Amino acid sequence: MAVLDIRIYGDPVLRKTCEPVTEITPELLKLADDMIETMYEANGVGLAAPQVGKTIRLTVIDPQDDVETNPNYDYPLVLFNPEVIESEGSDVFEEGCLSIPGVRRNVTRPQRVVVKALDRHNNEIRIEDDQLLARVLQHEIDHLNGVLFIDHLSMIDRLAVEPQLRKLKTSKI
């Protein structure tokens, strides 16, 4: 396994809509394993393929603090073609992103989600959650659609983080 470079805000790949995975190949499984190693190395709880420069619908997730409250899933999750098929409620929680280092803000998202995806063995799975996993799933699926958590911010919060975003966009982190 290898640690991959994480793309930083301003990289155009972060705004691309990703292509569905049509076949789970050994190369894609290796990419998923590399993404898991990269996520752990960066102390993240999720990582989407565009964050490592790949425009495919793949994400890896391990909400480490949530595992004890949600032992229903085998972590780390490797999800191909994940999509939210049901959501309800509303919840506000502080989010950050490995691709936007140093920026954290409260984001409103649905509290409960049901997500459909393919696992690493090409089995369709459904994940239902209303805790941290639900938030991480939504955040990572947004990445696959070219959406960043800052896109969900109020105008006031967006203006507050704009100087940090400009600095990230122009730096060579």
N, C-alpha and C. Protein backbone atom coordinates (compact mmCIF):
# COMPACT_ATOMS: atom_id res chain seq x y z
N MET A 1 0.84 -1.19 0.00
CA MET A 1 0.00 0.00 0.00
C MET A 1 0.88 1.24 0.00
N ALA A 2 0.29 2.33 -0.45
CA ALA A 2 1.04 3.58 -0.56
C ALA A 2 0.18 4.75 -0.10
N VAL A 3 0.84 5.74 0.46
CA VAL A 3 0.16 6.98 0.82
C VAL A 3 0.14 7.86 -0.42
N LEU A 4 -1.05 8.33 -0.79
CA LEU A 4 -1.24 9.15 -1.99
C LEU A 4 -1.25 10.62 -1.62
N ASP A 5 -0.98 11.48 -2.60
CA ASP A 5 -1.08 12.92 -2.39
C ASP A 5 -2.55 13.33 -2.36
N ILE A 6 -2.90 14.12 -1.37
CA ILE A 6 -4.27 14.63 -1.25
C ILE A 6 -4.35 15.97 -1.96
N ARG A 7 -5.30 16.08 -2.88
CA ARG A 7 -5.50 17.32 -3.63
C ARG A 7 -6.11 18.38 -2.71
N ILE A 8 -5.64 19.59 -2.88
CA ILE A 8 -6.03 20.71 -2.02
C ILE A 8 -6.97 21.66 -2.77
N TYR A 9 -7.82 22.34 -2.03
CA TYR A 9 -8.77 23.30 -2.57
C TYR A 9 -8.11 24.16 -3.64
N GLY A 10 -8.80 24.29 -4.75
CA GLY A 10 -8.27 25.02 -5.90
C GLY A 10 -7.91 24.07 -7.03
N ASP A 11 -7.65 22.80 -6.70
CA ASP A 11 -7.36 21.79 -7.73
C ASP A 11 -8.68 21.50 -8.46
N PRO A 12 -8.71 21.64 -9.77
CA PRO A 12 -9.96 21.46 -10.52
C PRO A 12 -10.59 20.08 -10.38
N VAL A 13 -9.81 19.06 -10.08
CA VAL A 13 -10.36 17.71 -9.97
C VAL A 13 -11.40 17.62 -8.85
N LEU A 14 -11.29 18.49 -7.85
CA LEU A 14 -12.23 18.47 -6.73
C LEU A 14 -13.62 18.94 -7.12
N ARG A 15 -13.74 19.58 -8.28
CA ARG A 15 -15.04 20.08 -8.75
C ARG A 15 -15.62 19.23 -9.88
N LYS A 16 -14.99 18.12 -10.18
CA LYS A 16 -15.47 17.24 -11.25
C LYS A 16 -16.55 16.29 -10.73
N THR A 17 -17.52 15.99 -11.58
CA THR A 17 -18.48 14.94 -11.28
C THR A 17 -17.84 13.62 -11.70
N CYS A 18 -17.81 12.67 -10.79
CA CYS A 18 -17.10 11.41 -11.03
C CYS A 18 -17.93 10.42 -11.83
N GLU A 19 -17.22 9.58 -12.56
CA GLU A 19 -17.83 8.54 -13.39
C GLU A 19 -18.13 7.29 -12.56
N PRO A 20 -19.24 6.62 -12.84
CA PRO A 20 -19.54 5.37 -12.14
C PRO A 20 -18.47 4.31 -12.43
N VAL A 21 -18.27 3.44 -11.48
CA VAL A 21 -17.37 2.30 -11.65
C VAL A 21 -18.19 1.19 -12.30
N THR A 22 -17.73 0.69 -13.45
CA THR A 22 -18.47 -0.35 -14.16
C THR A 22 -17.96 -1.74 -13.84
N GLU A 23 -16.71 -1.82 -13.36
CA GLU A 23 -16.12 -3.11 -13.00
C GLU A 23 -15.13 -2.90 -11.87
N ILE A 24 -15.25 -3.69 -10.83
CA ILE A 24 -14.31 -3.60 -9.71
C ILE A 24 -13.12 -4.49 -10.02
N THR A 25 -12.02 -3.84 -10.38
CA THR A 25 -10.81 -4.54 -10.82
C THR A 25 -9.78 -4.61 -9.68
N PRO A 26 -8.78 -5.46 -9.83
CA PRO A 26 -7.69 -5.48 -8.84
C PRO A 26 -7.02 -4.11 -8.69
N GLU A 27 -6.93 -3.36 -9.78
CA GLU A 27 -6.32 -2.02 -9.71
C GLU A 27 -7.17 -1.08 -8.86
N LEU A 28 -8.49 -1.18 -8.99
CA LEU A 28 -9.36 -0.33 -8.17
C LEU A 28 -9.32 -0.75 -6.71
N LEU A 29 -9.20 -2.03 -6.43
CA LEU A 29 -9.08 -2.49 -5.04
C LEU A 29 -7.77 -2.01 -4.43
N LYS A 30 -6.70 -1.99 -5.23
CA LYS A 30 -5.42 -1.45 -4.74
C LYS A 30 -5.56 0.04 -4.47
N LEU A 31 -6.22 0.77 -5.37
CA LEU A 31 -6.47 2.19 -5.15
C LEU A 31 -7.24 2.39 -3.84
N ALA A 32 -8.28 1.57 -3.61
CA ALA A 32 -9.06 1.69 -2.38
C ALA A 32 -8.17 1.45 -1.16
N ASP A 33 -7.30 0.45 -1.22
CA ASP A 33 -6.39 0.18 -0.10
C ASP A 33 -5.42 1.34 0.11
N ASP A 34 -4.92 1.91 -0.97
CA ASP A 34 -4.03 3.08 -0.86
C ASP A 34 -4.78 4.27 -0.27
N MET A 35 -6.05 4.42 -0.66
CA MET A 35 -6.85 5.51 -0.11
C MET A 35 -7.08 5.32 1.39
N ILE A 36 -7.30 4.09 1.81
CA ILE A 36 -7.47 3.81 3.24
C ILE A 36 -6.20 4.20 3.99
N GLU A 37 -5.05 3.79 3.48
CA GLU A 37 -3.79 4.14 4.13
C GLU A 37 -3.60 5.66 4.17
N THR A 38 -3.94 6.32 3.08
CA THR A 38 -3.83 7.78 3.01
C THR A 38 -4.75 8.44 4.02
N MET A 39 -5.99 7.96 4.12
CA MET A 39 -6.97 8.50 5.07
C MET A 39 -6.45 8.37 6.50
N TYR A 40 -5.94 7.19 6.85
CA TYR A 40 -5.43 6.99 8.21
C TYR A 40 -4.20 7.87 8.47
N GLU A 41 -3.31 7.96 7.49
CA GLU A 41 -2.10 8.78 7.65
C GLU A 41 -2.45 10.24 7.90
N ALA A 42 -3.55 10.70 7.28
CA ALA A 42 -3.98 12.09 7.42
C ALA A 42 -4.95 12.29 8.59
N ASN A 43 -5.19 11.24 9.35
CA ASN A 43 -6.13 11.30 10.47
C ASN A 43 -7.54 11.70 10.04
N GLY A 44 -7.96 11.20 8.89
CA GLY A 44 -9.30 11.48 8.39
C GLY A 44 -10.26 10.36 8.71
N VAL A 45 -11.54 10.62 8.49
CA VAL A 45 -12.57 9.60 8.69
C VAL A 45 -13.20 9.19 7.36
N GLY A 46 -12.81 9.85 6.29
CA GLY A 46 -13.30 9.51 4.96
C GLY A 46 -12.40 10.13 3.91
N LEU A 47 -12.40 9.51 2.73
CA LEU A 47 -11.62 10.03 1.61
C LEU A 47 -12.30 9.58 0.33
N ALA A 48 -12.49 10.51 -0.58
CA ALA A 48 -13.12 10.21 -1.87
C ALA A 48 -12.08 10.25 -2.97
N ALA A 49 -12.32 9.49 -4.02
CA ALA A 49 -11.36 9.36 -5.12
C ALA A 49 -10.88 10.70 -5.70
N PRO A 50 -11.75 11.70 -5.89
CA PRO A 50 -11.23 12.95 -6.45
C PRO A 50 -10.20 13.63 -5.55
N GLN A 51 -10.24 13.33 -4.26
CA GLN A 51 -9.26 13.92 -3.34
C GLN A 51 -7.86 13.38 -3.58
N VAL A 52 -7.77 12.26 -4.32
CA VAL A 52 -6.46 11.74 -4.71
C VAL A 52 -6.29 11.76 -6.23
N GLY A 53 -7.12 12.60 -6.88
CA GLY A 53 -6.95 12.85 -8.30
C GLY A 53 -7.65 11.90 -9.25
N LYS A 54 -8.54 11.06 -8.75
CA LYS A 54 -9.25 10.08 -9.58
C LYS A 54 -10.71 10.46 -9.68
N THR A 55 -11.23 10.52 -10.90
CA THR A 55 -12.63 10.94 -11.09
C THR A 55 -13.55 9.74 -11.26
N ILE A 56 -13.51 8.86 -10.26
CA ILE A 56 -14.40 7.69 -10.24
C ILE A 56 -15.20 7.72 -8.93
N ARG A 57 -16.33 7.03 -8.94
CA ARG A 57 -17.22 7.02 -7.78
C ARG A 57 -16.76 5.96 -6.78
N LEU A 58 -15.78 6.33 -6.00
CA LEU A 58 -15.20 5.47 -4.97
C LEU A 58 -14.90 6.30 -3.74
N THR A 59 -15.26 5.78 -2.59
CA THR A 59 -14.91 6.44 -1.34
C THR A 59 -14.58 5.38 -0.30
N VAL A 60 -13.74 5.76 0.65
CA VAL A 60 -13.42 4.91 1.79
C VAL A 60 -13.78 5.68 3.05
N ILE A 61 -14.28 4.95 4.05
CA ILE A 61 -14.80 5.61 5.25
C ILE A 61 -14.47 4.77 6.48
N ASP A 62 -14.04 5.45 7.53
CA ASP A 62 -13.88 4.81 8.83
C ASP A 62 -14.08 5.86 9.92
N PRO A 63 -15.34 6.04 10.36
CA PRO A 63 -15.60 7.01 11.42
C PRO A 63 -15.20 6.42 12.77
N GLN A 64 -13.91 6.40 13.02
CA GLN A 64 -13.33 5.65 14.14
C GLN A 64 -14.05 5.87 15.46
N ASP A 65 -14.45 7.08 15.76
CA ASP A 65 -15.13 7.35 17.04
C ASP A 65 -16.55 6.80 17.06
N ASP A 66 -17.09 6.46 15.90
CA ASP A 66 -18.47 6.03 15.79
C ASP A 66 -18.61 4.51 15.80
N VAL A 67 -17.49 3.79 15.73
CA VAL A 67 -17.54 2.34 15.55
C VAL A 67 -18.24 1.65 16.72
N GLU A 68 -17.99 2.10 17.93
CA GLU A 68 -18.62 1.45 19.09
C GLU A 68 -20.12 1.66 19.11
N THR A 69 -20.59 2.82 18.62
CA THR A 69 -22.03 3.07 18.62
C THR A 69 -22.69 2.50 17.38
N ASN A 70 -21.91 2.10 16.40
CA ASN A 70 -22.48 1.55 15.18
C ASN A 70 -21.64 0.37 14.69
N PRO A 71 -21.75 -0.77 15.37
CA PRO A 71 -20.93 -1.93 15.01
C PRO A 71 -21.51 -2.75 13.86
N ASN A 72 -22.52 -2.22 13.18
CA ASN A 72 -23.20 -2.98 12.13
C ASN A 72 -22.40 -3.13 10.85
N TYR A 73 -21.35 -2.36 10.72
CA TYR A 73 -20.61 -2.35 9.46
C TYR A 73 -19.16 -2.71 9.70
N ASP A 74 -18.56 -3.28 8.68
CA ASP A 74 -17.18 -3.74 8.74
C ASP A 74 -16.27 -2.61 8.24
N TYR A 75 -15.57 -1.97 9.17
CA TYR A 75 -14.73 -0.84 8.82
C TYR A 75 -13.31 -1.28 8.53
N PRO A 76 -12.61 -0.57 7.66
CA PRO A 76 -13.06 0.58 6.89
C PRO A 76 -14.00 0.16 5.75
N LEU A 77 -14.96 1.03 5.48
CA LEU A 77 -15.87 0.79 4.37
C LEU A 77 -15.20 1.18 3.06
N VAL A 78 -15.37 0.37 2.05
CA VAL A 78 -14.97 0.69 0.68
C VAL A 78 -16.26 0.69 -0.12
N LEU A 79 -16.62 1.85 -0.67
CA LEU A 79 -17.90 2.01 -1.35
C LEU A 79 -17.70 2.46 -2.79
N PHE A 80 -18.19 1.64 -3.70
CA PHE A 80 -18.20 1.99 -5.12
C PHE A 80 -19.60 2.44 -5.49
N ASN A 81 -19.70 3.53 -6.23
CA ASN A 81 -20.97 4.07 -6.71
C ASN A 81 -21.98 4.34 -5.59
N PRO A 82 -21.55 4.91 -4.48
CA PRO A 82 -22.52 5.16 -3.40
C PRO A 82 -23.49 6.26 -3.78
N GLU A 83 -24.73 6.10 -3.31
CA GLU A 83 -25.72 7.14 -3.52
C GLU A 83 -26.71 7.15 -2.36
N VAL A 84 -27.10 8.34 -1.98
CA VAL A 84 -28.11 8.50 -0.94
C VAL A 84 -29.46 8.21 -1.59
N ILE A 85 -30.18 7.23 -1.04
CA ILE A 85 -31.48 6.89 -1.61
C ILE A 85 -32.63 7.32 -0.71
N GLU A 86 -32.29 7.73 0.51
CA GLU A 86 -33.31 8.20 1.43
C GLU A 86 -32.64 9.09 2.48
N SER A 87 -33.33 10.16 2.85
CA SER A 87 -32.80 11.01 3.92
C SER A 87 -33.96 11.68 4.64
N GLU A 88 -33.70 12.03 5.90
CA GLU A 88 -34.73 12.74 6.67
C GLU A 88 -34.09 13.49 7.82
N GLY A 89 -34.84 14.45 8.32
CA GLY A 89 -34.39 15.22 9.46
C GLY A 89 -33.38 16.28 9.07
N SER A 90 -32.82 16.89 10.10
CA SER A 90 -31.84 17.95 9.89
C SER A 90 -30.93 17.97 11.11
N ASP A 91 -29.65 18.19 10.85
CA ASP A 91 -28.66 18.18 11.91
C ASP A 91 -27.56 19.17 11.55
N VAL A 92 -27.05 19.87 12.55
CA VAL A 92 -25.95 20.80 12.35
C VAL A 92 -24.74 20.24 13.09
N PHE A 93 -23.61 20.18 12.40
CA PHE A 93 -22.40 19.63 13.00
C PHE A 93 -21.19 20.26 12.32
N GLU A 94 -20.12 20.42 13.07
CA GLU A 94 -18.91 21.00 12.50
C GLU A 94 -18.22 20.00 11.57
N GLU A 95 -17.86 20.48 10.39
CA GLU A 95 -17.15 19.65 9.43
C GLU A 95 -15.84 20.30 9.03
N GLY A 96 -14.93 19.45 8.62
CA GLY A 96 -13.68 19.86 8.02
C GLY A 96 -13.44 18.95 6.84
N CYS A 97 -12.31 19.13 6.17
CA CYS A 97 -12.03 18.32 4.98
C CYS A 97 -10.52 18.24 4.78
N LEU A 98 -10.06 17.04 4.46
CA LEU A 98 -8.62 16.87 4.20
C LEU A 98 -8.15 17.72 3.03
N SER A 99 -9.06 18.05 2.11
CA SER A 99 -8.70 18.87 0.95
C SER A 99 -8.81 20.37 1.23
N ILE A 100 -9.32 20.72 2.40
CA ILE A 100 -9.43 22.13 2.79
C ILE A 100 -8.86 22.27 4.20
N PRO A 101 -7.56 22.04 4.34
CA PRO A 101 -6.96 22.02 5.68
C PRO A 101 -7.10 23.35 6.41
N GLY A 102 -7.41 23.24 7.71
CA GLY A 102 -7.49 24.42 8.55
C GLY A 102 -8.84 25.11 8.56
N VAL A 103 -9.77 24.66 7.72
CA VAL A 103 -11.09 25.28 7.66
C VAL A 103 -12.10 24.32 8.26
N ARG A 104 -12.83 24.79 9.26
CA ARG A 104 -13.89 24.00 9.90
C ARG A 104 -15.08 24.92 10.12
N ARG A 105 -16.27 24.42 9.82
CA ARG A 105 -17.48 25.21 10.01
C ARG A 105 -18.67 24.27 10.22
N ASN A 106 -19.71 24.81 10.84
CA ASN A 106 -20.96 24.07 11.01
C ASN A 106 -21.67 23.95 9.68
N VAL A 107 -22.17 22.74 9.41
CA VAL A 107 -22.88 22.45 8.17
C VAL A 107 -24.19 21.76 8.53
N THR A 108 -25.26 22.18 7.89
CA THR A 108 -26.56 21.53 8.07
C THR A 108 -26.74 20.47 6.99
N ARG A 109 -27.05 19.26 7.44
CA ARG A 109 -27.30 18.14 6.53
C ARG A 109 -28.47 17.32 7.09
N PRO A 110 -29.05 16.45 6.25
CA PRO A 110 -30.04 15.52 6.80
C PRO A 110 -29.40 14.68 7.91
N GLN A 111 -30.19 14.39 8.94
CA GLN A 111 -29.65 13.63 10.07
C GLN A 111 -29.55 12.14 9.76
N ARG A 112 -30.54 11.60 9.10
CA ARG A 112 -30.57 10.17 8.81
C ARG A 112 -30.50 9.96 7.31
N VAL A 113 -29.67 8.99 6.91
CA VAL A 113 -29.59 8.66 5.49
C VAL A 113 -29.57 7.15 5.30
N VAL A 114 -30.01 6.75 4.14
CA VAL A 114 -29.84 5.38 3.67
C VAL A 114 -29.03 5.51 2.38
N VAL A 115 -27.92 4.78 2.33
CA VAL A 115 -27.02 4.82 1.18
C VAL A 115 -26.94 3.43 0.57
N LYS A 116 -26.98 3.39 -0.75
CA LYS A 116 -26.81 2.16 -1.50
C LYS A 116 -25.45 2.25 -2.20
N ALA A 117 -24.69 1.13 -2.19
CA ALA A 117 -23.38 1.11 -2.83
C ALA A 117 -22.98 -0.33 -3.11
N LEU A 118 -21.86 -0.46 -3.82
CA LEU A 118 -21.23 -1.77 -4.00
C LEU A 118 -20.04 -1.84 -3.07
N ASP A 119 -19.84 -2.99 -2.41
CA ASP A 119 -18.67 -3.15 -1.56
C ASP A 119 -17.50 -3.68 -2.39
N ARG A 120 -16.39 -3.94 -1.75
CA ARG A 120 -15.18 -4.38 -2.47
C ARG A 120 -15.35 -5.75 -3.13
N HIS A 121 -16.41 -6.50 -2.76
CA HIS A 121 -16.67 -7.81 -3.35
C HIS A 121 -17.77 -7.76 -4.40
N ASN A 122 -18.14 -6.54 -4.80
CA ASN A 122 -19.17 -6.31 -5.81
C ASN A 122 -20.58 -6.67 -5.33
N ASN A 123 -20.76 -6.69 -4.01
CA ASN A 123 -22.07 -6.94 -3.43
C ASN A 123 -22.76 -5.61 -3.17
N GLU A 124 -24.05 -5.54 -3.50
CA GLU A 124 -24.80 -4.33 -3.18
C GLU A 124 -25.08 -4.32 -1.68
N ILE A 125 -24.78 -3.20 -1.06
CA ILE A 125 -25.05 -3.05 0.36
C ILE A 125 -25.88 -1.79 0.58
N ARG A 126 -26.57 -1.77 1.71
CA ARG A 126 -27.32 -0.60 2.14
C ARG A 126 -26.83 -0.24 3.53
N ILE A 127 -26.59 1.03 3.71
CA ILE A 127 -26.12 1.52 4.99
C ILE A 127 -27.13 2.54 5.48
N GLU A 128 -27.60 2.35 6.70
CA GLU A 128 -28.55 3.29 7.29
C GLU A 128 -27.93 3.81 8.58
N ASP A 129 -27.92 5.13 8.74
CA ASP A 129 -27.33 5.69 9.95
C ASP A 129 -27.90 7.07 10.22
N ASP A 130 -27.83 7.46 11.51
CA ASP A 130 -28.24 8.81 11.90
C ASP A 130 -27.21 9.43 12.85
N GLN A 131 -25.99 8.93 12.79
CA GLN A 131 -24.91 9.43 13.64
C GLN A 131 -23.78 9.98 12.74
N LEU A 132 -22.56 9.89 13.22
CA LEU A 132 -21.40 10.40 12.48
C LEU A 132 -21.27 9.75 11.11
N LEU A 133 -21.52 8.46 11.02
CA LEU A 133 -21.41 7.77 9.72
C LEU A 133 -22.31 8.43 8.68
N ALA A 134 -23.51 8.82 9.06
CA ALA A 134 -24.43 9.48 8.11
C ALA A 134 -23.82 10.75 7.56
N ARG A 135 -23.21 11.53 8.42
CA ARG A 135 -22.58 12.79 8.00
C ARG A 135 -21.39 12.52 7.08
N VAL A 136 -20.55 11.56 7.44
CA VAL A 136 -19.37 11.26 6.63
C VAL A 136 -19.80 10.74 5.26
N LEU A 137 -20.79 9.89 5.23
CA LEU A 137 -21.30 9.39 3.94
C LEU A 137 -21.73 10.55 3.04
N GLN A 138 -22.49 11.47 3.59
CA GLN A 138 -22.96 12.61 2.78
C GLN A 138 -21.80 13.48 2.30
N HIS A 139 -20.85 13.73 3.18
CA HIS A 139 -19.69 14.55 2.84
C HIS A 139 -18.90 13.90 1.69
N GLU A 140 -18.65 12.60 1.80
CA GLU A 140 -17.86 11.91 0.77
C GLU A 140 -18.62 11.77 -0.55
N ILE A 141 -19.91 11.50 -0.48
CA ILE A 141 -20.71 11.42 -1.71
C ILE A 141 -20.76 12.79 -2.39
N ASP A 142 -20.82 13.85 -1.61
CA ASP A 142 -20.73 15.20 -2.20
C ASP A 142 -19.46 15.33 -3.03
N HIS A 143 -18.33 14.86 -2.49
CA HIS A 143 -17.06 14.93 -3.24
C HIS A 143 -17.20 14.28 -4.61
N LEU A 144 -17.92 13.17 -4.69
CA LEU A 144 -18.07 12.45 -5.96
C LEU A 144 -18.90 13.24 -6.96
N ASN A 145 -19.62 14.25 -6.46
CA ASN A 145 -20.43 15.12 -7.32
C ASN A 145 -19.82 16.50 -7.50
N GLY A 146 -18.55 16.65 -7.09
CA GLY A 146 -17.87 17.92 -7.26
C GLY A 146 -18.30 18.98 -6.26
N VAL A 147 -18.92 18.56 -5.16
CA VAL A 147 -19.42 19.48 -4.15
C VAL A 147 -18.52 19.40 -2.91
N LEU A 148 -18.17 20.55 -2.37
CA LEU A 148 -17.35 20.62 -1.16
C LEU A 148 -18.21 21.10 0.00
N PHE A 149 -17.80 20.79 1.23
CA PHE A 149 -18.63 21.17 2.38
C PHE A 149 -18.82 22.67 2.46
N ILE A 150 -17.89 23.44 1.96
CA ILE A 150 -18.02 24.90 2.00
C ILE A 150 -19.17 25.39 1.12
N ASP A 151 -19.62 24.56 0.18
CA ASP A 151 -20.75 24.92 -0.67
C ASP A 151 -22.06 24.93 0.12
N HIS A 152 -22.06 24.31 1.29
CA HIS A 152 -23.26 24.26 2.14
C HIS A 152 -23.29 25.37 3.18
N LEU A 153 -22.26 26.22 3.19
CA LEU A 153 -22.18 27.25 4.21
C LEU A 153 -23.11 28.42 3.92
N SER A 154 -23.52 29.09 4.98
CA SER A 154 -24.28 30.33 4.82
C SER A 154 -23.36 31.38 4.20
N MET A 155 -23.94 32.42 3.68
CA MET A 155 -23.15 33.49 3.07
C MET A 155 -22.18 34.10 4.08
N ILE A 156 -22.62 34.27 5.32
CA ILE A 156 -21.76 34.86 6.36
C ILE A 156 -20.57 33.95 6.64
N ASP A 157 -20.82 32.64 6.80
CA ASP A 157 -19.72 31.70 7.05
C ASP A 157 -18.78 31.61 5.84
N ARG A 158 -19.36 31.65 4.66
CA ARG A 158 -18.54 31.57 3.46
C ARG A 158 -17.61 32.79 3.36
N LEU A 159 -18.15 33.96 3.65
CA LEU A 159 -17.32 35.17 3.65
C LEU A 159 -16.23 35.10 4.71
N ALA A 160 -16.55 34.49 5.86
CA ALA A 160 -15.58 34.38 6.95
C ALA A 160 -14.39 33.49 6.58
N VAL A 161 -14.63 32.45 5.78
CA VAL A 161 -13.54 31.53 5.43
C VAL A 161 -12.87 31.90 4.10
N GLU A 162 -13.41 32.87 3.41
CA GLU A 162 -12.87 33.23 2.08
C GLU A 162 -11.38 33.55 2.10
N PRO A 163 -10.85 34.30 3.08
CA PRO A 163 -9.40 34.54 3.09
C PRO A 163 -8.58 33.25 3.19
N GLN A 164 -9.04 32.30 3.99
CA GLN A 164 -8.33 31.01 4.10
C GLN A 164 -8.39 30.26 2.78
N LEU A 165 -9.54 30.31 2.11
CA LEU A 165 -9.70 29.61 0.84
C LEU A 165 -8.80 30.23 -0.23
N ARG A 166 -8.74 31.56 -0.26
CA ARG A 166 -7.85 32.22 -1.23
C ARG A 166 -6.40 31.81 -1.01
N LYS A 167 -6.01 31.73 0.26
CA LYS A 167 -4.63 31.35 0.59
C LYS A 167 -4.35 29.91 0.15
N LEU A 168 -5.29 29.00 0.40
CA LEU A 168 -5.12 27.61 -0.03
C LEU A 168 -5.01 27.50 -1.54
N LYS A 169 -5.86 28.25 -2.22
CA LYS A 169 -5.91 28.19 -3.68
C LYS A 169 -4.60 28.67 -4.32
N THR A 170 -3.93 29.60 -3.67
CA THR A 170 -2.72 30.15 -4.26
C THR A 170 -1.43 29.53 -3.71
N SER A 171 -1.58 28.69 -2.67
CA SER A 171 -0.35 28.08 -2.09
C SER A 171 -0.03 26.76 -2.78
N LYS A 172 1.14 26.30 -2.56
CA LYS A 172 1.60 25.02 -3.11
C LYS A 172 1.78 24.03 -1.96
N ILE A 173 0.68 23.74 -1.25
CA ILE A 173 0.74 22.84 -0.09
C ILE A 173 1.04 21.43 -0.55
